[in-house]
PDB file of N, CA and C in Angstrom:
ATOM      1  N   UNK A   1      14.434  13.827  15.628  1.00  0.00           N
ATOM      2  CA  UNK A   1      13.417  13.571  14.613  1.00  0.00           C
ATOM      3  C   UNK A   1      12.033  13.654  15.255  1.00  0.00           C
ATOM      4  N   UNK A   2      11.081  14.156  14.507  1.00  0.00           N
ATOM      5  CA  UNK A   2       9.717  14.289  15.003  1.00  0.00           C
ATOM      6  C   UNK A   2       9.111  12.919  15.273  1.00  0.00           C
ATOM      7  N   UNK A   3       8.182  12.865  16.205  1.00  0.00           N
ATOM      8  CA  UNK A   3       7.543  11.599  16.532  1.00  0.00           C
ATOM      9  C   UNK A   3       6.215  11.432  15.781  1.00  0.00           C
ATOM     10  N   UNK A   4       6.053  12.155  14.681  1.00  0.00           N
ATOM     11  CA  UNK A   4       4.854  12.019  13.857  1.00  0.00           C
ATOM     12  C   UNK A   4       5.251  12.034  12.383  1.00  0.00           C
ATOM     13  N   UNK A   5       4.341  11.549  11.537  1.00  0.00           N
ATOM     14  CA  UNK A   5       4.577  11.549  10.101  1.00  0.00           C
ATOM     15  C   UNK A   5       3.332  12.087   9.398  1.00  0.00           C
ATOM     16  N   UNK A   6       3.472  12.415   8.135  1.00  0.00           N
ATOM     17  CA  UNK A   6       2.338  12.925   7.371  1.00  0.00           C
ATOM     18  C   UNK A   6       1.363  11.821   6.984  1.00  0.00           C
ATOM     19  N   UNK A   7       1.831  10.594   6.909  1.00  0.00           N
ATOM     20  CA  UNK A   7       0.970   9.479   6.533  1.00  0.00           C
ATOM     21  C   UNK A   7       0.856   8.494   7.679  1.00  0.00           C
ATOM     22  N   UNK A   8      -0.344   7.973   7.891  1.00  0.00           N
ATOM     23  CA  UNK A   8      -0.553   6.956   8.915  1.00  0.00           C
ATOM     24  C   UNK A   8       0.133   5.660   8.504  1.00  0.00           C
ATOM     25  N   UNK A   9       0.202   4.726   9.413  1.00  0.00           N
ATOM     26  CA  UNK A   9       0.758   3.409   9.086  1.00  0.00           C
ATOM     27  C   UNK A   9      -0.070   2.741   7.985  1.00  0.00           C
ATOM     28  N   UNK A  10      -1.388   2.966   7.986  1.00  0.00           N
ATOM     29  CA  UNK A  10      -2.225   2.398   6.933  1.00  0.00           C
ATOM     30  C   UNK A  10      -1.800   2.942   5.563  1.00  0.00           C
ATOM     31  N   UNK A  11      -1.562   4.229   5.484  1.00  0.00           N
ATOM     32  CA  UNK A  11      -1.119   4.828   4.229  1.00  0.00           C
ATOM     33  C   UNK A  11       0.231   4.310   3.809  1.00  0.00           C
ATOM     34  N   UNK A  12       1.137   4.148   4.758  1.00  0.00           N
ATOM     35  CA  UNK A  12       2.472   3.647   4.442  1.00  0.00           C
ATOM     36  C   UNK A  12       2.428   2.191   3.971  1.00  0.00           C
ATOM     37  N   UNK A  13       1.574   1.381   4.584  1.00  0.00           N
ATOM     38  CA  UNK A  13       1.415  -0.012   4.145  1.00  0.00           C
ATOM     39  C   UNK A  13       0.864  -0.040   2.727  1.00  0.00           C
ATOM     40  N   UNK A  14      -0.111   0.803   2.436  1.00  0.00           N
ATOM     41  CA  UNK A  14      -0.676   0.856   1.093  1.00  0.00           C
ATOM     42  C   UNK A  14       0.386   1.238   0.060  1.00  0.00           C
ATOM     43  N   UNK A  15       1.256   2.151   0.413  1.00  0.00           N
ATOM     44  CA  UNK A  15       2.347   2.538  -0.491  1.00  0.00           C
ATOM     45  C   UNK A  15       3.300   1.366  -0.712  1.00  0.00           C
ATOM     46  N   UNK A  16       3.657   0.656   0.347  1.00  0.00           N
ATOM     47  CA  UNK A  16       4.547  -0.508   0.206  1.00  0.00           C
ATOM     48  C   UNK A  16       3.941  -1.544  -0.733  1.00  0.00           C
ATOM     49  N   UNK A  17       2.654  -1.825  -0.574  1.00  0.00           N
ATOM     50  CA  UNK A  17       1.977  -2.816  -1.417  1.00  0.00           C
ATOM     51  C   UNK A  17       1.879  -2.314  -2.857  1.00  0.00           C
ATOM     52  N   UNK A  18       1.616  -1.020  -3.038  1.00  0.00           N
ATOM     53  CA  UNK A  18       1.530  -0.469  -4.394  1.00  0.00           C
ATOM     54  C   UNK A  18       2.874  -0.558  -5.115  1.00  0.00           C
ATOM     55  N   UNK A  19       3.952  -0.459  -4.366  1.00  0.00           N
ATOM     56  CA  UNK A  19       5.295  -0.551  -4.964  1.00  0.00           C
ATOM     57  C   UNK A  19       5.676  -1.982  -5.302  1.00  0.00           C
ATOM     58  N   UNK A  20       5.210  -2.938  -4.491  1.00  0.00           N
ATOM     59  CA  UNK A  20       5.579  -4.348  -4.704  1.00  0.00           C
ATOM     60  C   UNK A  20       4.384  -5.209  -4.323  1.00  0.00           C
ATOM     61  N   UNK A  21       3.647  -5.657  -5.297  1.00  0.00           N
ATOM     62  CA  UNK A  21       2.373  -6.334  -5.059  1.00  0.00           C
ATOM     63  C   UNK A  21       2.511  -7.701  -4.391  1.00  0.00           C
ATOM     64  N   UNK A  22       3.696  -8.306  -4.459  1.00  0.00           N
ATOM     65  CA  UNK A  22       3.889  -9.618  -3.822  1.00  0.00           C
ATOM     66  C   UNK A  22       4.736  -9.492  -2.558  1.00  0.00           C
ATOM     67  N   UNK A  23       4.726  -8.336  -1.945  1.00  0.00           N
ATOM     68  CA  UNK A  23       5.515  -8.080  -0.747  1.00  0.00           C
ATOM     69  C   UNK A  23       5.026  -8.955   0.413  1.00  0.00           C
ATOM     70  N   UNK A  24       5.944  -9.385   1.252  1.00  0.00           N
ATOM     71  CA  UNK A  24       5.583 -10.199   2.410  1.00  0.00           C
ATOM     72  C   UNK A  24       5.230  -9.294   3.595  1.00  0.00           C
ATOM     73  N   UNK A  25       4.507  -9.850   4.556  1.00  0.00           N
ATOM     74  CA  UNK A  25       4.182  -9.092   5.763  1.00  0.00           C
ATOM     75  C   UNK A  25       5.447  -8.682   6.508  1.00  0.00           C
ATOM     76  N   UNK A  26       6.438  -9.548   6.496  1.00  0.00           N
ATOM     77  CA  UNK A  26       7.706  -9.216   7.149  1.00  0.00           C
ATOM     78  C   UNK A  26       8.343  -7.988   6.497  1.00  0.00           C
ATOM     79  N   UNK A  27       8.334  -7.956   5.163  1.00  0.00           N
ATOM     80  CA  UNK A  27       8.905  -6.813   4.453  1.00  0.00           C
ATOM     81  C   UNK A  27       8.084  -5.542   4.676  1.00  0.00           C
ATOM     82  N   UNK A  28       6.766  -5.678   4.717  1.00  0.00           N
ATOM     83  CA  UNK A  28       5.913  -4.521   5.018  1.00  0.00           C
ATOM     84  C   UNK A  28       6.268  -3.975   6.389  1.00  0.00           C
ATOM     85  N   UNK A  29       6.368  -4.867   7.363  1.00  0.00           N
ATOM     86  CA  UNK A  29       6.676  -4.455   8.733  1.00  0.00           C
ATOM     87  C   UNK A  29       8.012  -3.720   8.797  1.00  0.00           C
ATOM     88  N   UNK A  30       9.026  -4.249   8.125  1.00  0.00           N
ATOM     89  CA  UNK A  30      10.342  -3.606   8.115  1.00  0.00           C
ATOM     90  C   UNK A  30      10.290  -2.254   7.424  1.00  0.00           C
ATOM     91  N   UNK A  31       9.575  -2.173   6.325  1.00  0.00           N
ATOM     92  CA  UNK A  31       9.470  -0.935   5.550  1.00  0.00           C
ATOM     93  C   UNK A  31       8.803   0.179   6.373  1.00  0.00           C
ATOM     94  N   UNK A  32       7.748  -0.158   7.087  1.00  0.00           N
ATOM     95  CA  UNK A  32       6.973   0.831   7.841  1.00  0.00           C
ATOM     96  C   UNK A  32       7.537   1.051   9.241  1.00  0.00           C
ATOM     97  N   UNK A  33       8.243   0.048   9.764  1.00  0.00           N
ATOM     98  CA  UNK A  33       8.771   0.162  11.126  1.00  0.00           C
ATOM     99  C   UNK A  33       7.765  -0.263  12.177  1.00  0.00           C
ATOM    100  N   UNK A  34       7.008  -1.324  11.857  1.00  0.00           N
ATOM    101  CA  UNK A  34       5.998  -1.852  12.765  1.00  0.00           C
ATOM    102  C   UNK A  34       6.218  -3.359  12.895  1.00  0.00           C
ATOM    103  N   UNK A  35       5.465  -4.002  13.768  1.00  0.00           N
ATOM    104  CA  UNK A  35       5.570  -5.453  13.927  1.00  0.00           C
ATOM    105  C   UNK A  35       4.822  -6.161  12.800  1.00  0.00           C
ATOM    106  N   UNK A  36       5.148  -7.427  12.589  1.00  0.00           N
ATOM    107  CA  UNK A  36       4.429  -8.212  11.584  1.00  0.00           C
ATOM    108  C   UNK A  36       2.956  -8.330  11.943  1.00  0.00           C
ATOM    109  N   UNK A  37       2.666  -8.440  13.217  1.00  0.00           N
ATOM    110  CA  UNK A  37       1.271  -8.531  13.673  1.00  0.00           C
ATOM    111  C   UNK A  37       0.512  -7.257  13.302  1.00  0.00           C
ATOM    112  N   UNK A  38       1.143  -6.104  13.510  1.00  0.00           N
ATOM    113  CA  UNK A  38       0.518  -4.826  13.154  1.00  0.00           C
ATOM    114  C   UNK A  38       0.342  -4.729  11.638  1.00  0.00           C
ATOM    115  N   UNK A  39       1.349  -5.185  10.888  1.00  0.00           N
ATOM    116  CA  UNK A  39       1.255  -5.172   9.422  1.00  0.00           C
ATOM    117  C   UNK A  39       0.083  -6.046   8.962  1.00  0.00           C
ATOM    118  N   UNK A  40      -0.059  -7.213   9.573  1.00  0.00           N
ATOM    119  CA  UNK A  40      -1.168  -8.114   9.229  1.00  0.00           C
ATOM    120  C   UNK A  40      -2.508  -7.452   9.521  1.00  0.00           C
ATOM    121  N   UNK A  41      -2.632  -6.827  10.667  1.00  0.00           N
ATOM    122  CA  UNK A  41      -3.879  -6.156  11.053  1.00  0.00           C
ATOM    123  C   UNK A  41      -4.221  -5.038  10.065  1.00  0.00           C
ATOM    124  N   UNK A  42      -3.218  -4.261   9.671  1.00  0.00           N
ATOM    125  CA  UNK A  42      -3.445  -3.156   8.734  1.00  0.00           C
ATOM    126  C   UNK A  42      -3.828  -3.685   7.356  1.00  0.00           C
ATOM    127  N   UNK A  43      -3.146  -4.729   6.882  1.00  0.00           N
ATOM    128  CA  UNK A  43      -3.506  -5.325   5.590  1.00  0.00           C
ATOM    129  C   UNK A  43      -4.948  -5.821   5.645  1.00  0.00           C
ATOM    130  N   UNK A  44      -5.338  -6.459   6.733  1.00  0.00           N
ATOM    131  CA  UNK A  44      -6.733  -6.916   6.887  1.00  0.00           C
ATOM    132  C   UNK A  44      -7.697  -5.734   6.856  1.00  0.00           C
ATOM    133  N   UNK A  45      -7.356  -4.648   7.523  1.00  0.00           N
ATOM    134  CA  UNK A  45      -8.188  -3.435   7.484  1.00  0.00           C
ATOM    135  C   UNK A  45      -8.343  -2.937   6.056  1.00  0.00           C
ATOM    136  N   UNK A  46      -7.236  -2.900   5.303  1.00  0.00           N
ATOM    137  CA  UNK A  46      -7.265  -2.400   3.930  1.00  0.00           C
ATOM    138  C   UNK A  46      -8.064  -3.325   3.011  1.00  0.00           C
ATOM    139  N   UNK A  47      -7.969  -4.636   3.242  1.00  0.00           N
ATOM    140  CA  UNK A  47      -8.763  -5.597   2.471  1.00  0.00           C
ATOM    141  C   UNK A  47     -10.242  -5.424   2.823  1.00  0.00           C
ATOM    142  N   UNK A  48     -10.552  -5.394   4.112  1.00  0.00           N
ATOM    143  CA  UNK A  48     -11.942  -5.236   4.555  1.00  0.00           C
ATOM    144  C   UNK A  48     -12.546  -3.914   4.093  1.00  0.00           C
ATOM    145  N   UNK A  49     -11.727  -2.875   3.999  1.00  0.00           N
ATOM    146  CA  UNK A  49     -12.193  -1.561   3.579  1.00  0.00           C
ATOM    147  C   UNK A  49     -12.326  -1.410   2.072  1.00  0.00           C
ATOM    148  N   UNK A  50     -11.892  -2.416   1.312  1.00  0.00           N
ATOM    149  CA  UNK A  50     -12.018  -2.367  -0.137  1.00  0.00           C
ATOM    150  C   UNK A  50     -10.871  -1.670  -0.840  1.00  0.00           C
ATOM    151  N   UNK A  51      -9.761  -1.459  -0.139  1.00  0.00           N
ATOM    152  CA  UNK A  51      -8.603  -0.794  -0.733  1.00  0.00           C
ATOM    153  C   UNK A  51      -7.634  -1.781  -1.365  1.00  0.00           C
ATOM    154  N   UNK A  52      -7.673  -3.028  -0.936  1.00  0.00           N
ATOM    155  CA  UNK A  52      -6.812  -4.089  -1.458  1.00  0.00           C
ATOM    156  C   UNK A  52      -7.629  -5.356  -1.665  1.00  0.00           C
ATOM    157  N   UNK A  53      -7.178  -6.178  -2.600  1.00  0.00           N
ATOM    158  CA  UNK A  53      -7.650  -7.558  -2.726  1.00  0.00           C
ATOM    159  C   UNK A  53      -6.424  -8.434  -2.543  1.00  0.00           C
ATOM    160  N   UNK A  54      -6.573  -9.461  -1.726  1.00  0.00           N
ATOM    161  CA  UNK A  54      -5.469 -10.380  -1.442  1.00  0.00           C
ATOM    162  C   UNK A  54      -5.772 -11.713  -2.127  1.00  0.00           C
ATOM    163  N   UNK A  55      -4.813 -12.214  -2.923  1.00  0.00           N
ATOM    164  CA  UNK A  55      -4.965 -13.486  -3.615  1.00  0.00           C
ATOM    165  C   UNK A  55      -3.776 -14.359  -3.264  1.00  0.00           C
ATOM    166  N   UNK A  56      -4.074 -15.585  -2.931  1.00  0.00           N
ATOM    167  CA  UNK A  56      -3.017 -16.542  -2.609  1.00  0.00           C
ATOM    168  C   UNK A  56      -2.458 -17.129  -3.902  1.00  0.00           C
ATOM    169  N   UNK A  57      -1.142 -17.041  -4.089  1.00  0.00           N
ATOM    170  CA  UNK A  57      -0.465 -17.638  -5.243  1.00  0.00           C
ATOM    171  C   UNK A  57       0.654 -18.502  -4.686  1.00  0.00           C
ATOM    172  N   UNK A  58       0.437 -19.805  -4.720  1.00  0.00           N
ATOM    173  CA  UNK A  58       1.411 -20.706  -4.104  1.00  0.00           C
ATOM    174  C   UNK A  58       1.442 -20.477  -2.603  1.00  0.00           C
ATOM    175  N   UNK A  59       2.618 -20.175  -2.090  1.00  0.00           N
ATOM    176  CA  UNK A  59       2.782 -19.947  -0.649  1.00  0.00           C
ATOM    177  C   UNK A  59       2.745 -18.462  -0.287  1.00  0.00           C
ATOM    178  N   UNK A  60       2.532 -17.595  -1.278  1.00  0.00           N
ATOM    179  CA  UNK A  60       2.582 -16.160  -1.038  1.00  0.00           C
ATOM    180  C   UNK A  60       1.261 -15.491  -1.371  1.00  0.00           C
ATOM    181  N   UNK A  61       1.097 -14.314  -0.842  1.00  0.00           N
ATOM    182  CA  UNK A  61      -0.045 -13.472  -1.184  1.00  0.00           C
ATOM    183  C   UNK A  61       0.393 -12.456  -2.236  1.00  0.00           C
ATOM    184  N   UNK A  62      -0.514 -12.156  -3.133  1.00  0.00           N
ATOM    185  CA  UNK A  62      -0.318 -11.085  -4.104  1.00  0.00           C
ATOM    186  C   UNK A  62      -1.495 -10.137  -3.901  1.00  0.00           C
ATOM    187  N   UNK A  63      -1.192  -8.850  -3.883  1.00  0.00           N
ATOM    188  CA  UNK A  63      -2.208  -7.848  -3.585  1.00  0.00           C
ATOM    189  C   UNK A  63      -2.539  -7.036  -4.823  1.00  0.00           C
ATOM    190  N   UNK A  64      -3.799  -6.648  -4.927  1.00  0.00           N
ATOM    191  CA  UNK A  64      -4.233  -5.729  -5.976  1.00  0.00           C
ATOM    192  C   UNK A  64      -4.760  -4.494  -5.266  1.00  0.00           C
ATOM    193  N   UNK A  65      -4.230  -3.353  -5.637  1.00  0.00           N
ATOM    194  CA  UNK A  65      -4.665  -2.084  -5.071  1.00  0.00           C
ATOM    195  C   UNK A  65      -5.870  -1.598  -5.868  1.00  0.00           C
ATOM    196  N   UNK A  66      -6.846  -1.045  -5.175  1.00  0.00           N
ATOM    197  CA  UNK A  66      -8.037  -0.484  -5.811  1.00  0.00           C
ATOM    198  C   UNK A  66      -7.930   1.039  -5.779  1.00  0.00           C
ATOM    199  N   UNK A  67      -7.310   1.620  -6.816  1.00  0.00           N
ATOM    200  CA  UNK A  67      -7.040   3.052  -6.808  1.00  0.00           C
ATOM    201  C   UNK A  67      -8.292   3.922  -6.853  1.00  0.00           C
ATOM    202  N   UNK A  68      -9.436   3.342  -7.220  1.00  0.00           N
ATOM    203  CA  UNK A  68     -10.661   4.123  -7.292  1.00  0.00           C
ATOM    204  C   UNK A  68     -11.384   4.218  -5.948  1.00  0.00           C
ATOM    205  N   UNK A  69     -10.845   3.585  -4.917  1.00  0.00           N
ATOM    206  CA  UNK A  69     -11.460   3.660  -3.586  1.00  0.00           C
ATOM    207  C   UNK A  69     -11.326   5.086  -3.049  1.00  0.00           C
ATOM    208  N   UNK A  70     -12.344   5.566  -2.361  1.00  0.00           N
ATOM    209  CA  UNK A  70     -12.315   6.948  -1.877  1.00  0.00           C
ATOM    210  C   UNK A  70     -11.376   7.120  -0.683  1.00  0.00           C
ATOM    211  N   UNK A  71     -10.843   8.309  -0.552  1.00  0.00           N
ATOM    212  CA  UNK A  71     -10.080   8.655   0.653  1.00  0.00           C
ATOM    213  C   UNK A  71     -11.076   8.651   1.814  1.00  0.00           C
ATOM    214  N   UNK A  72     -10.629   8.306   2.994  1.00  0.00           N
ATOM    215  CA  UNK A  72     -11.544   8.124   4.116  1.00  0.00           C
ATOM    216  C   UNK A  72     -11.869   9.399   4.887  1.00  0.00           C
ATOM    217  N   UNK A  73     -11.029  10.391   4.827  1.00  0.00           N
ATOM    218  CA  UNK A  73     -11.258  11.603   5.618  1.00  0.00           C
ATOM    219  C   UNK A  73     -12.027  12.634   4.788  1.00  0.00           C
ATOM    220  N   UNK A  74     -12.986  13.334   5.390  1.00  0.00           N
ATOM    221  CA  UNK A  74     -13.777  14.321   4.649  1.00  0.00           C
ATOM    222  C   UNK A  74     -12.943  15.425   3.986  1.00  0.00           C
ATOM    223  N   UNK A  75     -11.804  15.775   4.547  1.00  0.00           N
ATOM    224  CA  UNK A  75     -10.966  16.816   3.959  1.00  0.00           C
ATOM    225  C   UNK A  75     -10.511  16.418   2.556  1.00  0.00           C
ATOM    226  N   UNK A  76     -10.269  15.124   2.344  1.00  0.00           N
ATOM    227  CA  UNK A  76      -9.802  14.628   1.042  1.00  0.00           C
ATOM    228  C   UNK A  76     -10.897  13.841   0.331  1.00  0.00           C
ATOM    229  N   UNK A  77     -12.124  14.045   0.732  1.00  0.00           N
ATOM    230  CA  UNK A  77     -13.245  13.251   0.234  1.00  0.00           C
ATOM    231  C   UNK A  77     -13.450  13.258  -1.261  1.00  0.00           C
ATOM    232  N   UNK A  78     -13.057  14.319  -1.945  1.00  0.00           N
ATOM    233  CA  UNK A  78     -13.260  14.364  -3.390  1.00  0.00           C
ATOM    234  C   UNK A  78     -12.162  13.629  -4.146  1.00  0.00           C
ATOM    235  N   UNK A  79     -11.179  13.112  -3.434  1.00  0.00           N
ATOM    236  CA  UNK A  79     -10.072  12.390  -4.060  1.00  0.00           C
ATOM    237  C   UNK A  79     -10.203  10.895  -3.835  1.00  0.00           C
ATOM    238  N   UNK A  80      -9.494  10.151  -4.679  1.00  0.00           N
ATOM    239  CA  UNK A  80      -9.433   8.707  -4.543  1.00  0.00           C
ATOM    240  C   UNK A  80      -8.030   8.318  -4.090  1.00  0.00           C
ATOM    241  N   UNK A  81      -7.915   7.115  -3.544  1.00  0.00           N
ATOM    242  CA  UNK A  81      -6.625   6.616  -3.077  1.00  0.00           C
ATOM    243  C   UNK A  81      -5.597   6.630  -4.205  1.00  0.00           C
ATOM    244  N   UNK A  82      -6.030   6.368  -5.407  1.00  0.00           N
ATOM    245  CA  UNK A  82      -5.129   6.358  -6.558  1.00  0.00           C
ATOM    246  C   UNK A  82      -4.453   7.699  -6.789  1.00  0.00           C
ATOM    247  N   UNK A  83      -5.134   8.802  -6.426  1.00  0.00           N
ATOM    248  CA  UNK A  83      -4.525  10.131  -6.571  1.00  0.00           C
ATOM    249  C   UNK A  83      -3.287  10.246  -5.684  1.00  0.00           C
ATOM    250  N   UNK A  84      -3.418   9.796  -4.456  1.00  0.00           N
ATOM    251  CA  UNK A  84      -2.289   9.826  -3.517  1.00  0.00           C
ATOM    252  C   UNK A  84      -1.182   8.891  -3.982  1.00  0.00           C
ATOM    253  N   UNK A  85      -1.555   7.673  -4.352  1.00  0.00           N
ATOM    254  CA  UNK A  85      -0.551   6.691  -4.765  1.00  0.00           C
ATOM    255  C   UNK A  85       0.161   7.117  -6.039  1.00  0.00           C
ATOM    256  N   UNK A  86      -0.558   7.724  -6.966  1.00  0.00           N
ATOM    257  CA  UNK A  86       0.093   8.176  -8.198  1.00  0.00           C
ATOM    258  C   UNK A  86       1.144   9.237  -7.896  1.00  0.00           C
ATOM    259  N   UNK A  87       0.854  10.110  -6.946  1.00  0.00           N
ATOM    260  CA  UNK A  87       1.816  11.154  -6.580  1.00  0.00           C
ATOM    261  C   UNK A  87       3.049  10.562  -5.896  1.00  0.00           C
ATOM    262  N   UNK A  88       2.867   9.507  -5.125  1.00  0.00           N
ATOM    263  CA  UNK A  88       3.970   8.957  -4.335  1.00  0.00           C
ATOM    264  C   UNK A  88       4.641   7.733  -4.949  1.00  0.00           C
ATOM    265  N   UNK A  89       3.908   6.986  -5.765  1.00  0.00           N
ATOM    266  CA  UNK A  89       4.425   5.723  -6.293  1.00  0.00           C
ATOM    267  C   UNK A  89       4.529   5.742  -7.810  1.00  0.00           C
ATOM    268  N   UNK A  90       3.597   6.363  -8.466  1.00  0.00           N
ATOM    269  CA  UNK A  90       3.511   6.319  -9.928  1.00  0.00           C
ATOM    270  C   UNK A  90       2.271   5.566 -10.330  1.00  0.00           C
ATOM    271  N   UNK A  91       2.303   4.914 -11.471  1.00  0.00           N
ATOM    272  CA  UNK A  91       1.147   4.202 -12.014  1.00  0.00           C
ATOM    273  C   UNK A  91       0.845   2.962 -11.182  1.00  0.00           C
ATOM    274  N   UNK A  92      -0.261   2.971 -10.466  1.00  0.00           N
ATOM    275  CA  UNK A  92      -0.600   1.844  -9.590  1.00  0.00           C
ATOM    276  C   UNK A  92      -1.224   0.679 -10.345  1.00  0.00           C
ATOM    277  N   UNK A  93      -1.441   0.827 -11.651  1.00  0.00           N
ATOM    278  CA  UNK A  93      -1.990  -0.269 -12.438  1.00  0.00           C
ATOM    279  C   UNK A  93      -0.918  -1.105 -13.113  1.00  0.00           C
ATOM    280  N   UNK A  94       0.369  -0.751 -12.908  1.00  0.00           N
ATOM    281  CA  UNK A  94       1.448  -1.537 -13.494  1.00  0.00           C
ATOM    282  C   UNK A  94       1.529  -2.898 -12.817  1.00  0.00           C
ATOM    283  N   UNK A  95       1.988  -3.928 -13.531  1.00  0.00           N
ATOM    284  CA  UNK A  95       2.173  -5.241 -12.913  1.00  0.00           C
ATOM    285  C   UNK A  95       3.176  -5.185 -11.762  1.00  0.00           C
ATOM    286  N   UNK A  96       3.082  -6.153 -10.879  1.00  0.00           N
ATOM    287  CA  UNK A  96       3.978  -6.209  -9.709  1.00  0.00           C
ATOM    288  C   UNK A  96       5.425  -6.087 -10.120  1.00  0.00           C
ATOM    289  N   UNK A  97       6.155  -5.238  -9.414  1.00  0.00           N
ATOM    290  CA  UNK A  97       7.571  -5.081  -9.647  1.00  0.00           C
ATOM    291  C   UNK A  97       7.936  -4.040 -10.691  1.00  0.00           C
ATOM    292  N   UNK A  98       7.061  -3.722 -11.632  1.00  0.00           N
ATOM    293  CA  UNK A  98       7.389  -2.769 -12.711  1.00  0.00           C
ATOM    294  C   UNK A  98       7.578  -1.359 -12.165  1.00  0.00           C
ATOM    295  N   UNK A  99       6.697  -0.939 -11.245  1.00  0.00           N
ATOM    296  CA  UNK A  99       6.846   0.405 -10.670  1.00  0.00           C
ATOM    297  C   UNK A  99       8.144   0.480  -9.882  1.00  0.00           C
ATOM    298  N   UNK A 100       8.489  -0.599  -9.199  1.00  0.00           N
ATOM    299  CA  UNK A 100       9.724  -0.656  -8.429  1.00  0.00           C
ATOM    300  C   UNK A 100      10.934  -0.547  -9.351  1.00  0.00           C
ATOM    301  N   UNK A 101      10.921  -1.279 -10.471  1.00  0.00           N
ATOM    302  CA  UNK A 101      12.014  -1.244 -11.427  1.00  0.00           C
ATOM    303  C   UNK A 101      12.146   0.148 -12.045  1.00  0.00           C
ATOM    304  N   UNK A 102      10.989   0.772 -12.353  1.00  0.00           N
ATOM    305  CA  UNK A 102      10.989   2.092 -12.960  1.00  0.00           C
ATOM    306  C   UNK A 102      11.601   3.109 -12.012  1.00  0.00           C
ATOM    307  N   UNK A 103      11.272   3.026 -10.711  1.00  0.00           N
ATOM    308  CA  UNK A 103      11.802   4.003  -9.760  1.00  0.00           C
ATOM    309  C   UNK A 103      13.309   3.818  -9.560  1.00  0.00           C
ATOM    310  N   UNK A 104      13.825   2.594  -9.706  1.00  0.00           N
ATOM    311  CA  UNK A 104      15.258   2.359  -9.560  1.00  0.00           C
ATOM    312  C   UNK A 104      16.040   2.921 -10.733  1.00  0.00           C
ATOM    313  N   UNK A 105      15.425   2.878 -11.931  1.00  0.00           N
ATOM    314  CA  UNK A 105      16.134   3.348 -13.114  1.00  0.00           C
ATOM    315  C   UNK A 105      16.088   4.874 -13.258  1.00  0.00           C
ATOM    316  N   UNK A 106      15.183   5.515 -12.526  1.00  0.00           N
ATOM    317  CA  UNK A 106      15.050   6.986 -12.626  1.00  0.00           C
ATOM    318  C   UNK A 106      16.122   7.713 -11.862  1.00  0.00           C
TER     319      UNK A 106
END
């Protein structure tokens, strides 16, 4: 298997969060294949960059994806993050878990 992927770990974390808005850092780490510490750092980067909002609900975090945020690389500068997520995840404005349920039934 190749030692590279088409999406960075940041992109993969964003996809995991878009699929399940109440996902835990442990689950993000397992999904992407990184440590929990790395997952935490990436989530912080995405929050600081304006791609996610993190809200504490009880003992868990719930994330809101900001699909109108611009892509960071000049090659994709005319696109928004939502364009990528819509192609890979579906409707990023659905409530937590709905996109996940929809993909299981398809």
